[in-house]
Amino acid sequence: MNGNKYVKILEHLQTDYETSRPLDPLRRYKNLQSMIKRTVMHIRITEPGSLKKLSIHPNNSGEILLQGDVLQSETKTKEMQKRVGEICDNYTIDELTIQNRRLRDLNDRLENRIQLIIQTINELDCLYNSIKNDGFFKRYTNLKIAVKRIITNNDLYENP
């Protein structure tokens, strides 16, 4: 999954959060729950490496069965190889080395940002599961603060 899709997931969370602001606390709490579940599910389905064993869950058997995988078609792979070949034909070896280094740096920054997003969503999931037995207002406040912290975290949105 590329970085833009992660940003779209976060933007959807932000839009839903802003839409839920005028609601009364009970309805907003239900919306916050839905937002969190949906966001976590998006990450779980699209990024199988994000699955973590959560020791916070009391009946955790150590296994999370939901996994997803994104496969590229053979046609898409061949098309990408053709494009890369065409691009490489236009550069000298020195220029390719510089471009390669620049792209690796960009890729590393993007990977770091993706890992930060996944980690943040995993932490949100842990929080959601750890407060299930707390009182309503404490659950509501914690979820509201956690979602707000995510949607206002510029590190998650900035381009690498």
N, C-alpha and C. Protein backbone atom coordinates (compact mmCIF):
# COMPACT_ATOMS: atom_id res chain seq x y z
N MET A 1 0.86 -1.18 0.00
CA MET A 1 0.00 0.00 0.00
C MET A 1 0.89 1.23 0.00
N ASN A 2 0.59 2.16 -0.86
CA ASN A 2 1.43 3.34 -0.91
C ASN A 2 1.00 4.37 0.14
N GLY A 3 1.85 5.36 0.34
CA GLY A 3 1.62 6.36 1.37
C GLY A 3 0.36 7.17 1.19
N ASN A 4 -0.03 7.42 -0.07
CA ASN A 4 -1.24 8.21 -0.32
C ASN A 4 -2.48 7.53 0.23
N LYS A 5 -2.53 6.21 0.16
CA LYS A 5 -3.70 5.49 0.68
C LYS A 5 -3.78 5.63 2.20
N TYR A 6 -2.63 5.63 2.86
CA TYR A 6 -2.63 5.82 4.31
C TYR A 6 -3.13 7.21 4.66
N VAL A 7 -2.68 8.18 3.90
CA VAL A 7 -3.12 9.56 4.15
C VAL A 7 -4.63 9.67 3.92
N LYS A 8 -5.14 8.99 2.90
CA LYS A 8 -6.59 9.01 2.65
C LYS A 8 -7.36 8.39 3.81
N ILE A 9 -6.82 7.32 4.39
CA ILE A 9 -7.46 6.72 5.57
C ILE A 9 -7.50 7.73 6.70
N LEU A 10 -6.39 8.43 6.92
CA LEU A 10 -6.33 9.43 7.99
C LEU A 10 -7.24 10.62 7.69
N GLU A 11 -7.30 11.02 6.42
CA GLU A 11 -8.18 12.13 6.06
C GLU A 11 -9.65 11.75 6.26
N HIS A 12 -9.99 10.51 5.98
CA HIS A 12 -11.35 10.03 6.21
C HIS A 12 -11.66 10.07 7.71
N LEU A 13 -10.70 9.67 8.52
CA LEU A 13 -10.86 9.74 9.97
C LEU A 13 -11.07 11.19 10.40
N GLN A 14 -10.29 12.09 9.84
CA GLN A 14 -10.40 13.51 10.19
C GLN A 14 -11.77 14.07 9.78
N THR A 15 -12.23 13.74 8.59
CA THR A 15 -13.54 14.21 8.12
C THR A 15 -14.65 13.70 9.03
N ASP A 16 -14.59 12.41 9.37
CA ASP A 16 -15.62 11.85 10.26
C ASP A 16 -15.58 12.49 11.64
N TYR A 17 -14.36 12.76 12.12
CA TYR A 17 -14.22 13.39 13.44
C TYR A 17 -14.86 14.77 13.43
N GLU A 18 -14.57 15.55 12.40
CA GLU A 18 -15.14 16.90 12.31
C GLU A 18 -16.66 16.84 12.16
N THR A 19 -17.16 15.88 11.42
CA THR A 19 -18.61 15.72 11.24
C THR A 19 -19.30 15.36 12.54
N SER A 20 -18.60 14.63 13.41
CA SER A 20 -19.21 14.17 14.67
C SER A 20 -19.21 15.23 15.77
N ARG A 21 -18.50 16.32 15.57
CA ARG A 21 -18.37 17.35 16.62
C ARG A 21 -19.70 17.88 17.15
N PRO A 22 -20.69 18.18 16.32
CA PRO A 22 -21.93 18.75 16.86
C PRO A 22 -22.84 17.74 17.55
N LEU A 23 -22.51 16.46 17.49
CA LEU A 23 -23.39 15.45 18.08
C LEU A 23 -23.30 15.46 19.61
N ASP A 24 -24.35 14.93 20.23
CA ASP A 24 -24.32 14.79 21.69
C ASP A 24 -23.30 13.70 22.04
N PRO A 25 -22.80 13.68 23.30
CA PRO A 25 -21.74 12.75 23.67
C PRO A 25 -22.04 11.27 23.38
N LEU A 26 -23.26 10.83 23.59
CA LEU A 26 -23.56 9.42 23.36
C LEU A 26 -23.45 9.07 21.87
N ARG A 27 -24.05 9.87 21.03
CA ARG A 27 -23.96 9.61 19.59
C ARG A 27 -22.53 9.79 19.09
N ARG A 28 -21.85 10.77 19.63
CA ARG A 28 -20.47 11.00 19.20
C ARG A 28 -19.57 9.85 19.63
N TYR A 29 -19.82 9.32 20.82
CA TYR A 29 -19.05 8.17 21.29
C TYR A 29 -19.23 7.00 20.33
N LYS A 30 -20.46 6.74 19.93
CA LYS A 30 -20.74 5.65 18.99
C LYS A 30 -20.01 5.90 17.66
N ASN A 31 -20.02 7.16 17.21
CA ASN A 31 -19.29 7.50 15.98
C ASN A 31 -17.79 7.31 16.15
N LEU A 32 -17.25 7.72 17.30
CA LEU A 32 -15.83 7.53 17.56
C LEU A 32 -15.46 6.05 17.53
N GLN A 33 -16.30 5.23 18.14
CA GLN A 33 -16.06 3.78 18.11
C GLN A 33 -16.01 3.28 16.67
N SER A 34 -16.98 3.69 15.88
CA SER A 34 -17.04 3.25 14.48
C SER A 34 -15.82 3.73 13.70
N MET A 35 -15.42 4.97 13.92
CA MET A 35 -14.25 5.52 13.23
C MET A 35 -13.01 4.70 13.53
N ILE A 36 -12.83 4.40 14.81
CA ILE A 36 -11.64 3.67 15.23
C ILE A 36 -11.66 2.26 14.65
N LYS A 37 -12.79 1.57 14.76
CA LYS A 37 -12.88 0.21 14.22
C LYS A 37 -12.61 0.20 12.72
N ARG A 38 -13.19 1.14 11.99
CA ARG A 38 -13.01 1.18 10.54
C ARG A 38 -11.55 1.47 10.19
N THR A 39 -10.95 2.43 10.88
CA THR A 39 -9.56 2.79 10.59
C THR A 39 -8.63 1.62 10.86
N VAL A 40 -8.82 0.96 11.98
CA VAL A 40 -8.01 -0.21 12.32
C VAL A 40 -8.22 -1.31 11.27
N MET A 41 -9.46 -1.53 10.88
CA MET A 41 -9.75 -2.57 9.90
C MET A 41 -9.10 -2.26 8.55
N HIS A 42 -9.13 -1.00 8.12
CA HIS A 42 -8.46 -0.62 6.87
C HIS A 42 -6.98 -1.00 6.92
N ILE A 43 -6.34 -0.67 8.02
CA ILE A 43 -4.91 -0.96 8.16
C ILE A 43 -4.68 -2.46 8.20
N ARG A 44 -5.50 -3.19 8.94
CA ARG A 44 -5.32 -4.64 9.07
C ARG A 44 -5.48 -5.36 7.73
N ILE A 45 -6.46 -4.93 6.95
CA ILE A 45 -6.74 -5.60 5.68
C ILE A 45 -5.67 -5.28 4.65
N THR A 46 -5.23 -4.04 4.60
CA THR A 46 -4.31 -3.62 3.55
C THR A 46 -2.84 -3.81 3.91
N GLU A 47 -2.54 -3.98 5.17
CA GLU A 47 -1.14 -4.09 5.59
C GLU A 47 -0.99 -5.25 6.56
N PRO A 48 -0.80 -6.49 6.05
CA PRO A 48 -0.72 -7.64 6.94
C PRO A 48 0.43 -7.56 7.94
N GLY A 49 1.48 -6.81 7.62
CA GLY A 49 2.60 -6.65 8.54
C GLY A 49 2.25 -5.83 9.76
N SER A 50 1.09 -5.18 9.73
CA SER A 50 0.70 -4.34 10.86
C SER A 50 0.07 -5.14 11.98
N LEU A 51 -0.22 -6.41 11.73
CA LEU A 51 -0.88 -7.22 12.74
C LEU A 51 0.07 -7.47 13.90
N LYS A 52 -0.38 -7.15 15.06
CA LYS A 52 0.43 -7.30 16.27
C LYS A 52 -0.31 -8.20 17.24
N LYS A 53 0.44 -8.92 18.04
CA LYS A 53 -0.18 -9.66 19.13
C LYS A 53 -0.42 -8.66 20.25
N LEU A 54 -1.65 -8.56 20.65
CA LEU A 54 -2.01 -7.57 21.66
C LEU A 54 -2.20 -8.27 22.99
N SER A 55 -1.26 -8.10 23.89
CA SER A 55 -1.33 -8.77 25.18
C SER A 55 -2.35 -8.12 26.10
N ILE A 56 -2.89 -6.97 25.72
CA ILE A 56 -3.88 -6.28 26.54
C ILE A 56 -5.20 -7.05 26.55
N HIS A 57 -5.50 -7.73 25.46
CA HIS A 57 -6.77 -8.45 25.39
C HIS A 57 -6.78 -9.60 26.39
N PRO A 58 -7.81 -9.69 27.26
CA PRO A 58 -7.84 -10.72 28.28
C PRO A 58 -7.94 -12.13 27.69
N ASN A 59 -8.70 -12.34 26.60
CA ASN A 59 -8.81 -13.67 26.03
C ASN A 59 -7.96 -13.79 24.78
N ASN A 60 -6.85 -13.13 24.76
CA ASN A 60 -6.00 -13.16 23.59
C ASN A 60 -5.27 -14.49 23.51
N SER A 61 -5.50 -15.19 22.42
CA SER A 61 -4.82 -16.46 22.23
C SER A 61 -3.48 -16.25 21.54
N GLY A 62 -3.14 -15.00 21.26
CA GLY A 62 -1.88 -14.71 20.59
C GLY A 62 -2.01 -14.74 19.08
N GLU A 63 -3.19 -15.01 18.57
CA GLU A 63 -3.39 -15.09 17.13
C GLU A 63 -4.44 -14.09 16.69
N ILE A 64 -4.18 -13.42 15.64
CA ILE A 64 -5.17 -12.58 14.98
C ILE A 64 -5.32 -13.18 13.59
N LEU A 65 -6.51 -13.64 13.26
CA LEU A 65 -6.70 -14.40 12.05
C LEU A 65 -6.88 -13.55 10.80
N LEU A 66 -7.31 -12.32 10.96
CA LEU A 66 -7.58 -11.48 9.80
C LEU A 66 -6.27 -11.03 9.17
N GLN A 67 -6.10 -11.36 7.91
CA GLN A 67 -4.93 -10.91 7.18
C GLN A 67 -5.32 -10.58 5.77
N GLY A 68 -4.60 -9.69 5.16
CA GLY A 68 -4.87 -9.32 3.78
C GLY A 68 -3.56 -9.21 3.04
N ASP A 69 -3.65 -9.19 1.75
CA ASP A 69 -2.45 -9.07 0.94
C ASP A 69 -2.83 -8.36 -0.35
N VAL A 70 -1.96 -7.50 -0.80
CA VAL A 70 -2.20 -6.78 -2.04
C VAL A 70 -1.25 -7.36 -3.08
N LEU A 71 -1.82 -7.92 -4.14
CA LEU A 71 -1.01 -8.53 -5.19
C LEU A 71 -1.04 -7.67 -6.44
N GLN A 72 0.09 -7.57 -7.09
CA GLN A 72 0.14 -6.83 -8.34
C GLN A 72 -0.01 -7.82 -9.48
N SER A 73 -0.73 -7.42 -10.48
CA SER A 73 -0.92 -8.30 -11.63
C SER A 73 0.36 -8.37 -12.44
N GLU A 74 0.48 -9.44 -13.20
CA GLU A 74 1.67 -9.63 -14.03
C GLU A 74 1.78 -8.52 -15.08
N THR A 75 0.65 -8.09 -15.60
CA THR A 75 0.63 -7.03 -16.60
C THR A 75 1.16 -5.73 -16.02
N LYS A 76 0.74 -5.41 -14.81
CA LYS A 76 1.19 -4.18 -14.17
C LYS A 76 2.69 -4.23 -13.92
N THR A 77 3.19 -5.39 -13.51
CA THR A 77 4.61 -5.55 -13.26
C THR A 77 5.41 -5.36 -14.54
N LYS A 78 4.95 -5.97 -15.63
CA LYS A 78 5.65 -5.82 -16.92
C LYS A 78 5.63 -4.36 -17.38
N GLU A 79 4.51 -3.70 -17.19
CA GLU A 79 4.38 -2.30 -17.58
C GLU A 79 5.36 -1.43 -16.79
N MET A 80 5.49 -1.71 -15.49
CA MET A 80 6.42 -0.94 -14.67
C MET A 80 7.86 -1.19 -15.11
N GLN A 81 8.20 -2.45 -15.42
CA GLN A 81 9.55 -2.77 -15.87
C GLN A 81 9.86 -2.05 -17.18
N LYS A 82 8.89 -1.98 -18.08
CA LYS A 82 9.07 -1.29 -19.36
C LYS A 82 9.33 0.20 -19.13
N ARG A 83 8.54 0.80 -18.23
CA ARG A 83 8.72 2.23 -17.93
C ARG A 83 10.08 2.51 -17.32
N VAL A 84 10.50 1.64 -16.40
CA VAL A 84 11.81 1.82 -15.76
C VAL A 84 12.91 1.70 -16.81
N GLY A 85 12.78 0.74 -17.71
CA GLY A 85 13.76 0.59 -18.79
C GLY A 85 13.85 1.82 -19.66
N GLU A 86 12.70 2.39 -20.00
CA GLU A 86 12.68 3.60 -20.83
C GLU A 86 13.32 4.77 -20.11
N ILE A 87 13.06 4.89 -18.83
CA ILE A 87 13.64 5.98 -18.04
C ILE A 87 15.15 5.81 -17.94
N CYS A 88 15.59 4.58 -17.69
CA CYS A 88 17.02 4.32 -17.52
C CYS A 88 17.80 4.58 -18.80
N ASP A 89 17.19 4.37 -19.96
CA ASP A 89 17.87 4.61 -21.23
C ASP A 89 18.23 6.08 -21.42
N ASN A 90 17.55 6.97 -20.74
CA ASN A 90 17.77 8.41 -20.90
C ASN A 90 18.85 8.97 -19.97
N TYR A 91 19.40 8.15 -19.08
CA TYR A 91 20.37 8.64 -18.10
C TYR A 91 21.73 7.95 -18.26
N THR A 92 22.79 8.64 -17.82
CA THR A 92 24.11 8.02 -17.75
C THR A 92 24.18 7.24 -16.44
N ILE A 93 25.23 6.47 -16.28
CA ILE A 93 25.38 5.66 -15.06
C ILE A 93 25.49 6.56 -13.84
N ASP A 94 26.23 7.66 -13.94
CA ASP A 94 26.36 8.58 -12.81
C ASP A 94 25.01 9.20 -12.45
N GLU A 95 24.25 9.59 -13.48
CA GLU A 95 22.92 10.17 -13.23
C GLU A 95 21.98 9.13 -12.61
N LEU A 96 22.09 7.89 -13.08
CA LEU A 96 21.26 6.83 -12.50
C LEU A 96 21.62 6.58 -11.04
N THR A 97 22.91 6.65 -10.73
CA THR A 97 23.35 6.45 -9.35
C THR A 97 22.78 7.54 -8.45
N ILE A 98 22.83 8.77 -8.91
CA ILE A 98 22.28 9.89 -8.13
C ILE A 98 20.77 9.74 -7.96
N GLN A 99 20.09 9.43 -9.07
CA GLN A 99 18.63 9.24 -9.02
C GLN A 99 18.27 8.09 -8.09
N ASN A 100 19.03 7.00 -8.18
CA ASN A 100 18.77 5.83 -7.35
C ASN A 100 18.92 6.18 -5.87
N ARG A 101 19.97 6.91 -5.53
CA ARG A 101 20.21 7.31 -4.14
C ARG A 101 19.07 8.22 -3.64
N ARG A 102 18.67 9.17 -4.52
CA ARG A 102 17.58 10.08 -4.15
C ARG A 102 16.28 9.31 -3.92
N LEU A 103 15.99 8.37 -4.81
CA LEU A 103 14.76 7.59 -4.68
C LEU A 103 14.79 6.68 -3.45
N ARG A 104 15.96 6.14 -3.14
CA ARG A 104 16.07 5.31 -1.93
C ARG A 104 15.83 6.13 -0.67
N ASP A 105 16.40 7.34 -0.64
CA ASP A 105 16.17 8.23 0.50
C ASP A 105 14.68 8.57 0.64
N LEU A 106 14.07 8.90 -0.49
CA LEU A 106 12.64 9.21 -0.49
C LEU A 106 11.82 8.00 -0.04
N ASN A 107 12.19 6.83 -0.52
CA ASN A 107 11.49 5.60 -0.13
C ASN A 107 11.66 5.31 1.36
N ASP A 108 12.86 5.52 1.88
CA ASP A 108 13.10 5.31 3.32
C ASP A 108 12.23 6.24 4.16
N ARG A 109 12.15 7.51 3.76
CA ARG A 109 11.32 8.46 4.50
C ARG A 109 9.84 8.07 4.43
N LEU A 110 9.41 7.63 3.26
CA LEU A 110 8.02 7.20 3.10
C LEU A 110 7.74 5.96 3.95
N GLU A 111 8.66 5.01 3.95
CA GLU A 111 8.50 3.80 4.77
C GLU A 111 8.43 4.16 6.26
N ASN A 112 9.27 5.10 6.68
CA ASN A 112 9.24 5.53 8.09
C ASN A 112 7.89 6.16 8.43
N ARG A 113 7.37 6.97 7.52
CA ARG A 113 6.07 7.60 7.77
C ARG A 113 4.96 6.56 7.80
N ILE A 114 5.01 5.59 6.91
CA ILE A 114 4.01 4.52 6.90
C ILE A 114 4.07 3.73 8.20
N GLN A 115 5.28 3.41 8.66
CA GLN A 115 5.41 2.68 9.92
C GLN A 115 4.89 3.50 11.10
N LEU A 116 5.10 4.81 11.06
CA LEU A 116 4.58 5.68 12.11
C LEU A 116 3.05 5.66 12.11
N ILE A 117 2.45 5.70 10.92
CA ILE A 117 0.99 5.64 10.83
C ILE A 117 0.48 4.31 11.36
N ILE A 118 1.11 3.22 10.95
CA ILE A 118 0.68 1.89 11.41
C ILE A 118 0.83 1.78 12.92
N GLN A 119 1.95 2.25 13.45
CA GLN A 119 2.17 2.21 14.89
C GLN A 119 1.11 3.03 15.63
N THR A 120 0.79 4.20 15.11
CA THR A 120 -0.20 5.06 15.73
C THR A 120 -1.57 4.39 15.73
N ILE A 121 -1.94 3.76 14.63
CA ILE A 121 -3.23 3.06 14.55
C ILE A 121 -3.24 1.86 15.48
N ASN A 122 -2.12 1.14 15.58
CA ASN A 122 -2.03 0.02 16.53
C ASN A 122 -2.20 0.50 17.97
N GLU A 123 -1.60 1.64 18.29
CA GLU A 123 -1.75 2.21 19.63
C GLU A 123 -3.20 2.61 19.89
N LEU A 124 -3.86 3.14 18.87
CA LEU A 124 -5.27 3.50 18.99
C LEU A 124 -6.11 2.25 19.26
N ASP A 125 -5.80 1.17 18.56
CA ASP A 125 -6.51 -0.10 18.76
C ASP A 125 -6.28 -0.63 20.18
N CYS A 126 -5.05 -0.55 20.66
CA CYS A 126 -4.75 -0.99 22.03
C CYS A 126 -5.53 -0.15 23.05
N LEU A 127 -5.55 1.16 22.85
CA LEU A 127 -6.30 2.04 23.74
C LEU A 127 -7.77 1.67 23.73
N TYR A 128 -8.32 1.51 22.53
CA TYR A 128 -9.74 1.18 22.39
C TYR A 128 -10.08 -0.10 23.17
N ASN A 129 -9.23 -1.11 23.04
CA ASN A 129 -9.50 -2.37 23.72
C ASN A 129 -9.22 -2.32 25.22
N SER A 130 -8.33 -1.44 25.64
CA SER A 130 -7.98 -1.39 27.06
C SER A 130 -8.98 -0.60 27.90
N ILE A 131 -9.81 0.24 27.28
CA ILE A 131 -10.73 1.07 28.06
C ILE A 131 -12.16 0.56 28.04
N LYS A 132 -12.37 -0.62 27.51
CA LYS A 132 -13.73 -1.14 27.37
C LYS A 132 -14.47 -1.25 28.70
N ASN A 133 -13.75 -1.46 29.78
CA ASN A 133 -14.39 -1.63 31.09
C ASN A 133 -14.44 -0.34 31.90
N ASP A 134 -13.94 0.75 31.35
CA ASP A 134 -13.99 2.04 32.04
C ASP A 134 -15.38 2.64 31.94
N GLY A 135 -15.62 3.67 32.73
CA GLY A 135 -16.89 4.37 32.68
C GLY A 135 -17.09 5.09 31.36
N PHE A 136 -18.35 5.40 31.05
CA PHE A 136 -18.68 5.99 29.76
C PHE A 136 -17.91 7.27 29.48
N PHE A 137 -17.92 8.22 30.41
CA PHE A 137 -17.28 9.50 30.15
C PHE A 137 -15.77 9.37 30.00
N LYS A 138 -15.18 8.45 30.73
CA LYS A 138 -13.74 8.22 30.59
C LYS A 138 -13.44 7.61 29.21
N ARG A 139 -14.25 6.65 28.78
CA ARG A 139 -14.07 6.05 27.44
C ARG A 139 -14.24 7.12 26.36
N TYR A 140 -15.30 7.89 26.49
CA TYR A 140 -15.60 8.94 25.51
C TYR A 140 -14.45 9.94 25.42
N THR A 141 -13.99 10.42 26.57
CA THR A 141 -12.91 11.41 26.60
C THR A 141 -11.62 10.83 26.03
N ASN A 142 -11.28 9.61 26.42
CA ASN A 142 -10.04 9.00 25.92
C ASN A 142 -10.07 8.79 24.41
N LEU A 143 -11.20 8.32 23.89
CA LEU A 143 -11.30 8.11 22.44
C LEU A 143 -11.24 9.44 21.69
N LYS A 144 -11.94 10.43 22.21
CA LYS A 144 -11.96 11.75 21.56
C LYS A 144 -10.55 12.34 21.52
N ILE A 145 -9.85 12.27 22.63
CA ILE A 145 -8.49 12.80 22.70
C ILE A 145 -7.55 12.03 21.77
N ALA A 146 -7.68 10.70 21.75
CA ALA A 146 -6.80 9.88 20.92
C ALA A 146 -7.00 10.16 19.43
N VAL A 147 -8.25 10.25 19.00
CA VAL A 147 -8.51 10.54 17.59
C VAL A 147 -8.04 11.95 17.24
N LYS A 148 -8.29 12.90 18.13
CA LYS A 148 -7.86 14.28 17.88
C LYS A 148 -6.33 14.35 17.78
N ARG A 149 -5.64 13.60 18.62
CA ARG A 149 -4.18 13.58 18.59
C ARG A 149 -3.68 13.05 17.24
N ILE A 150 -4.37 12.07 16.69
CA ILE A 150 -3.97 11.51 15.39
C ILE A 150 -4.21 12.51 14.27
N ILE A 151 -5.40 13.10 14.26
CA ILE A 151 -5.73 13.98 13.13
C ILE A 151 -4.98 15.31 13.17
N THR A 152 -4.39 15.65 14.31
CA THR A 152 -3.62 16.89 14.40
C THR A 152 -2.11 16.64 14.36
N ASN A 153 -1.69 15.38 14.19
CA ASN A 153 -0.27 15.03 14.15
C ASN A 153 0.26 15.24 12.73
N ASN A 154 0.95 16.34 12.51
CA ASN A 154 1.46 16.68 11.17
C ASN A 154 2.48 15.68 10.65
N ASP A 155 3.18 14.97 11.54
CA ASP A 155 4.16 13.98 11.09
C ASP A 155 3.50 12.87 10.28
N LEU A 156 2.22 12.61 10.53
CA LEU A 156 1.53 11.55 9.81
C LEU A 156 1.10 11.98 8.41
N TYR A 157 0.97 13.27 8.19
CA TYR A 157 0.44 13.79 6.93
C TYR A 157 1.50 14.35 5.99
N GLU A 158 2.60 14.84 6.53
CA GLU A 158 3.59 15.54 5.71
C GLU A 158 4.24 14.60 4.71
N ASN A 159 4.47 15.13 3.52
CA ASN A 159 5.16 14.35 2.49
C ASN A 159 6.60 14.16 2.90
N PRO A 160 7.14 12.98 2.57
CA PRO A 160 8.54 12.71 2.95
C PRO A 160 9.51 13.58 2.19
